[in-house]
Structure formats: structure tokens, C-alpha cells
Amino acid sequence: MSPDTALVLYVIGINAAVIALLRSRIIARRRIETLAGELAKERTAHAATTAAGAADSAERKRLTARLDTLTTALTPIVVRARTGWPLFISRRDLATVTLLVEHPGPDGEQLVHLEQSFHRPA
């Protein structure tokens, strides 16, 4: 084999190795971009799930507080019914129940707080 042929084969071998390395790098870069996109999607989905969970938790707390308010307002009626006394509900409790029934959303709680503020001692 002549030195020129050996040099040509050497250059071809180097070129093949460089092409293989570049191809591997391109494939790796595409894979990294794909993984980064999938990670971004998962983070977005997780953030949406977390936000929905927080909203559900806030709504659950609001409804629990609403149930407690209704229970407090209606307890005297239940006690009187069990003991045989005539059924009676105070005007304050009647106003609370009426506001909560007429305004089922968060506005009802705000109106109840406003109504209760009228009866607080100064």
C-alpha cells in the first residue's frame, strides 16, 4: 500500500468517526429537547393539579364554615323540638339562615359577617 493510499484511508476513517460523533450528538440533543418538553408538560400539569387542589381545599373550608354557621343557627330549634318546647328561632339566627339560603356562594358568608357585625357590642 502506498503512502498516499494509507493517507486517504486514514482521512476517510477520521471523517467517518467525526460523522458518527456528530450524528450521536444530534441524536442526543434531540432526545434532550424531547425530555425537556416532556418535563415542561409534566410541570405544567402538576402546577394545574396543585392549583385545582388549592381551590378545592379553599372551597371545602368555605363549605365547612358555612355548615358550622347553619348548625349553630339551627341548634336551638333541634333542642326545642327534642324537649317538646315550642319551636322558636331568634331573629339573628333567622337572618343568618335566610342569607345563607338566598345567597349560596361566597357572597352569603360575607353578608352573614355583615349581619353579625350589626349585633356585636361596640
C-alpha atoms as a PDB file:
ATOM      1  CA  MET A   1       0.000   0.000   0.000  1.00  0.00           C
ATOM      2  CA  SER A   2       1.396   3.303  -0.998  1.00  0.00           C
ATOM      3  CA  PRO A   3       1.682   6.170   1.496  1.00  0.00           C
ATOM      4  CA  ASP A   4      -0.909   8.168  -0.478  1.00  0.00           C
ATOM      5  CA  THR A   5      -3.453   5.339  -0.226  1.00  0.00           C
ATOM      6  CA  ALA A   6      -2.815   4.967   3.502  1.00  0.00           C
ATOM      7  CA  LEU A   7      -3.282   8.711   3.991  1.00  0.00           C
ATOM      8  CA  VAL A   8      -6.555   8.648   2.043  1.00  0.00           C
ATOM      9  CA  LEU A   9      -7.822   5.693   4.083  1.00  0.00           C
ATOM     10  CA  TYR A  10      -6.747   7.466   7.297  1.00  0.00           C
ATOM     11  CA  VAL A  11      -8.633  10.644   6.309  1.00  0.00           C
ATOM     12  CA  ILE A  12     -11.706   8.589   5.352  1.00  0.00           C
ATOM     13  CA  GLY A  13     -11.553   6.828   8.739  1.00  0.00           C
ATOM     14  CA  ILE A  14     -11.271  10.160  10.595  1.00  0.00           C
ATOM     15  CA  ASN A  15     -14.182  11.584   8.573  1.00  0.00           C
ATOM     16  CA  ALA A  16     -16.311   8.531   9.368  1.00  0.00           C
ATOM     17  CA  ALA A  17     -15.526   8.888  13.079  1.00  0.00           C
ATOM     18  CA  VAL A  18     -16.343  12.620  13.045  1.00  0.00           C
ATOM     19  CA  ILE A  19     -19.600  11.942  11.190  1.00  0.00           C
ATOM     20  CA  ALA A  20     -20.521   9.252  13.745  1.00  0.00           C
ATOM     21  CA  LEU A  21     -19.764  11.627  16.650  1.00  0.00           C
ATOM     22  CA  LEU A  22     -21.769  14.451  15.088  1.00  0.00           C
ATOM     23  CA  ARG A  23     -24.673  12.107  14.442  1.00  0.00           C
ATOM     24  CA  SER A  24     -24.576  10.896  18.054  1.00  0.00           C
ATOM     25  CA  ARG A  25     -24.512  14.488  19.274  1.00  0.00           C
ATOM     26  CA  ILE A  26     -27.512  15.410  17.089  1.00  0.00           C
ATOM     27  CA  ILE A  27     -29.461  12.388  18.344  1.00  0.00           C
ATOM     28  CA  ALA A  28     -28.566  13.220  21.955  1.00  0.00           C
ATOM     29  CA  ARG A  29     -29.596  16.855  21.525  1.00  0.00           C
ATOM     30  CA  ARG A  30     -32.955  15.824  20.039  1.00  0.00           C
ATOM     31  CA  ARG A  31     -33.517  13.420  22.928  1.00  0.00           C
ATOM     32  CA  ILE A  32     -32.670  16.146  25.461  1.00  0.00           C
ATOM     33  CA  GLU A  33     -35.098  18.552  23.769  1.00  0.00           C
ATOM     34  CA  THR A  34     -37.807  15.876  23.823  1.00  0.00           C
ATOM     35  CA  LEU A  35     -37.197  15.161  27.504  1.00  0.00           C
ATOM     36  CA  ALA A  36     -37.185  18.887  28.307  1.00  0.00           C
ATOM     37  CA  GLY A  37     -40.544  19.276  26.535  1.00  0.00           C
ATOM     38  CA  GLU A  38     -41.996  16.323  28.439  1.00  0.00           C
ATOM     39  CA  LEU A  39     -40.688  17.738  31.719  1.00  0.00           C
ATOM     40  CA  ALA A  40     -42.242  21.130  30.948  1.00  0.00           C
ATOM     41  CA  LYS A  41     -45.580  19.435  30.223  1.00  0.00           C
ATOM     42  CA  GLU A  42     -45.389  17.489  33.492  1.00  0.00           C
ATOM     43  CA  ARG A  43     -44.554  20.660  35.439  1.00  0.00           C
ATOM     44  CA  THR A  44     -47.491  22.466  33.826  1.00  0.00           C
ATOM     45  CA  ALA A  45     -49.819  19.568  34.626  1.00  0.00           C
ATOM     46  CA  HIS A  46     -48.505  19.423  38.207  1.00  0.00           C
ATOM     47  CA  ALA A  47     -48.989  23.175  38.638  1.00  0.00           C
ATOM     48  CA  ALA A  48     -52.549  22.910  37.317  1.00  0.00           C
ATOM     49  CA  THR A  49     -53.260  19.985  39.647  1.00  0.00           C
ATOM     50  CA  THR A  50     -51.797  21.862  42.606  1.00  0.00           C
ATOM     51  CA  ALA A  51     -53.848  24.966  41.792  1.00  0.00           C
ATOM     52  CA  ALA A  52     -57.005  22.884  41.442  1.00  0.00           C
ATOM     53  CA  GLY A  53     -56.229  21.167  44.739  1.00  0.00           C
ATOM     54  CA  ALA A  54     -55.769  24.514  46.453  1.00  0.00           C
ATOM     55  CA  ALA A  55     -59.060  25.777  45.020  1.00  0.00           C
ATOM     56  CA  ASP A  56     -60.806  22.588  46.156  1.00  0.00           C
ATOM     57  CA  SER A  57     -59.294  22.980  49.612  1.00  0.00           C
ATOM     58  CA  ALA A  58     -60.442  26.606  49.883  1.00  0.00           C
ATOM     59  CA  GLU A  59     -63.943  25.656  48.724  1.00  0.00           C
ATOM     60  CA  ARG A  60     -64.027  22.771  51.210  1.00  0.00           C
ATOM     61  CA  LYS A  61     -63.045  25.151  54.042  1.00  0.00           C
ATOM     62  CA  ARG A  62     -65.698  27.647  52.957  1.00  0.00           C
ATOM     63  CA  LEU A  63     -68.407  24.999  52.872  1.00  0.00           C
ATOM     64  CA  THR A  64     -67.308  23.609  56.244  1.00  0.00           C
ATOM     65  CA  ALA A  65     -67.548  27.080  57.781  1.00  0.00           C
ATOM     66  CA  ARG A  66     -70.976  27.524  56.164  1.00  0.00           C
ATOM     67  CA  LEU A  67     -72.177  24.214  57.621  1.00  0.00           C
ATOM     68  CA  ASP A  68     -70.885  25.230  61.056  1.00  0.00           C
ATOM     69  CA  THR A  69     -72.770  28.536  60.811  1.00  0.00           C
ATOM     70  CA  LEU A  70     -76.002  26.789  59.816  1.00  0.00           C
ATOM     71  CA  THR A  71     -75.555  24.195  62.566  1.00  0.00           C
ATOM     72  CA  THR A  72     -75.061  26.927  65.163  1.00  0.00           C
ATOM     73  CA  ALA A  73     -78.118  28.828  63.956  1.00  0.00           C
ATOM     74  CA  LEU A  74     -80.394  25.767  63.812  1.00  0.00           C
ATOM     75  CA  THR A  75     -79.283  24.028  67.019  1.00  0.00           C
ATOM     76  CA  PRO A  76     -81.828  25.850  69.233  1.00  0.00           C
ATOM     77  CA  ILE A  77     -84.685  24.565  67.049  1.00  0.00           C
ATOM     78  CA  VAL A  78     -83.453  20.977  67.350  1.00  0.00           C
ATOM     79  CA  VAL A  79     -83.047  21.286  71.119  1.00  0.00           C
ATOM     80  CA  ARG A  80     -86.576  22.723  71.497  1.00  0.00           C
ATOM     81  CA  ALA A  81     -88.043  20.024  69.247  1.00  0.00           C
ATOM     82  CA  ARG A  82     -86.428  17.252  71.330  1.00  0.00           C
ATOM     83  CA  THR A  83     -87.561  18.701  74.644  1.00  0.00           C
ATOM     84  CA  GLY A  84     -91.113  19.448  73.495  1.00  0.00           C
ATOM     85  CA  TRP A  85     -90.858  23.221  73.798  1.00  0.00           C
ATOM     86  CA  PRO A  86     -92.493  25.400  71.128  1.00  0.00           C
ATOM     87  CA  LEU A  87     -90.223  25.876  68.146  1.00  0.00           C
ATOM     88  CA  PHE A  88     -88.587  29.281  68.090  1.00  0.00           C
ATOM     89  CA  ILE A  89     -85.658  30.820  66.221  1.00  0.00           C
ATOM     90  CA  SER A  90     -84.191  34.187  67.120  1.00  0.00           C
ATOM     91  CA  ARG A  91     -84.289  36.994  64.589  1.00  0.00           C
ATOM     92  CA  ARG A  92     -80.495  36.976  64.388  1.00  0.00           C
ATOM     93  CA  ASP A  93     -80.395  33.245  63.607  1.00  0.00           C
ATOM     94  CA  LEU A  94     -83.276  33.589  61.168  1.00  0.00           C
ATOM     95  CA  ALA A  95     -81.419  36.363  59.342  1.00  0.00           C
ATOM     96  CA  THR A  96     -78.290  34.179  59.184  1.00  0.00           C
ATOM     97  CA  VAL A  97     -80.153  31.172  57.778  1.00  0.00           C
ATOM     98  CA  THR A  98     -82.070  33.349  55.325  1.00  0.00           C
ATOM     99  CA  LEU A  99     -78.882  34.956  53.977  1.00  0.00           C
ATOM    100  CA  LEU A 100     -77.131  31.612  53.582  1.00  0.00           C
ATOM    101  CA  VAL A 101     -80.108  30.072  51.772  1.00  0.00           C
ATOM    102  CA  GLU A 102     -80.715  33.044  49.482  1.00  0.00           C
ATOM    103  CA  HIS A 103     -77.003  33.514  48.647  1.00  0.00           C
ATOM    104  CA  PRO A 104     -75.364  30.084  48.216  1.00  0.00           C
ATOM    105  CA  GLY A 105     -71.951  31.388  47.089  1.00  0.00           C
ATOM    106  CA  PRO A 106     -69.234  33.238  48.994  1.00  0.00           C
ATOM    107  CA  ASP A 107     -71.452  36.337  48.979  1.00  0.00           C
ATOM    108  CA  GLY A 108     -73.676  34.625  51.541  1.00  0.00           C
ATOM    109  CA  GLU A 109     -70.809  34.338  54.031  1.00  0.00           C
ATOM    110  CA  GLN A 110     -69.880  37.975  53.515  1.00  0.00           C
ATOM    111  CA  LEU A 111     -73.477  39.059  54.106  1.00  0.00           C
ATOM    112  CA  VAL A 112     -73.647  36.905  57.245  1.00  0.00           C
ATOM    113  CA  HIS A 113     -70.483  38.569  58.581  1.00  0.00           C
ATOM    114  CA  LEU A 114     -72.000  41.951  57.835  1.00  0.00           C
ATOM    115  CA  GLU A 115     -75.262  40.985  59.562  1.00  0.00           C
ATOM    116  CA  GLN A 116     -73.373  39.668  62.607  1.00  0.00           C
ATOM    117  CA  SER A 117     -71.343  42.871  62.819  1.00  0.00           C
ATOM    118  CA  PHE A 118     -74.598  44.785  63.478  1.00  0.00           C
ATOM    119  CA  HIS A 119     -75.142  42.723  66.650  1.00  0.00           C
ATOM    120  CA  ARG A 120     -71.628  42.970  68.100  1.00  0.00           C
ATOM    121  CA  PRO A 121     -71.186  45.122  71.144  1.00  0.00           C
ATOM    122  CA  ALA A 122     -69.429  48.409  70.415  1.00  0.00           C
END
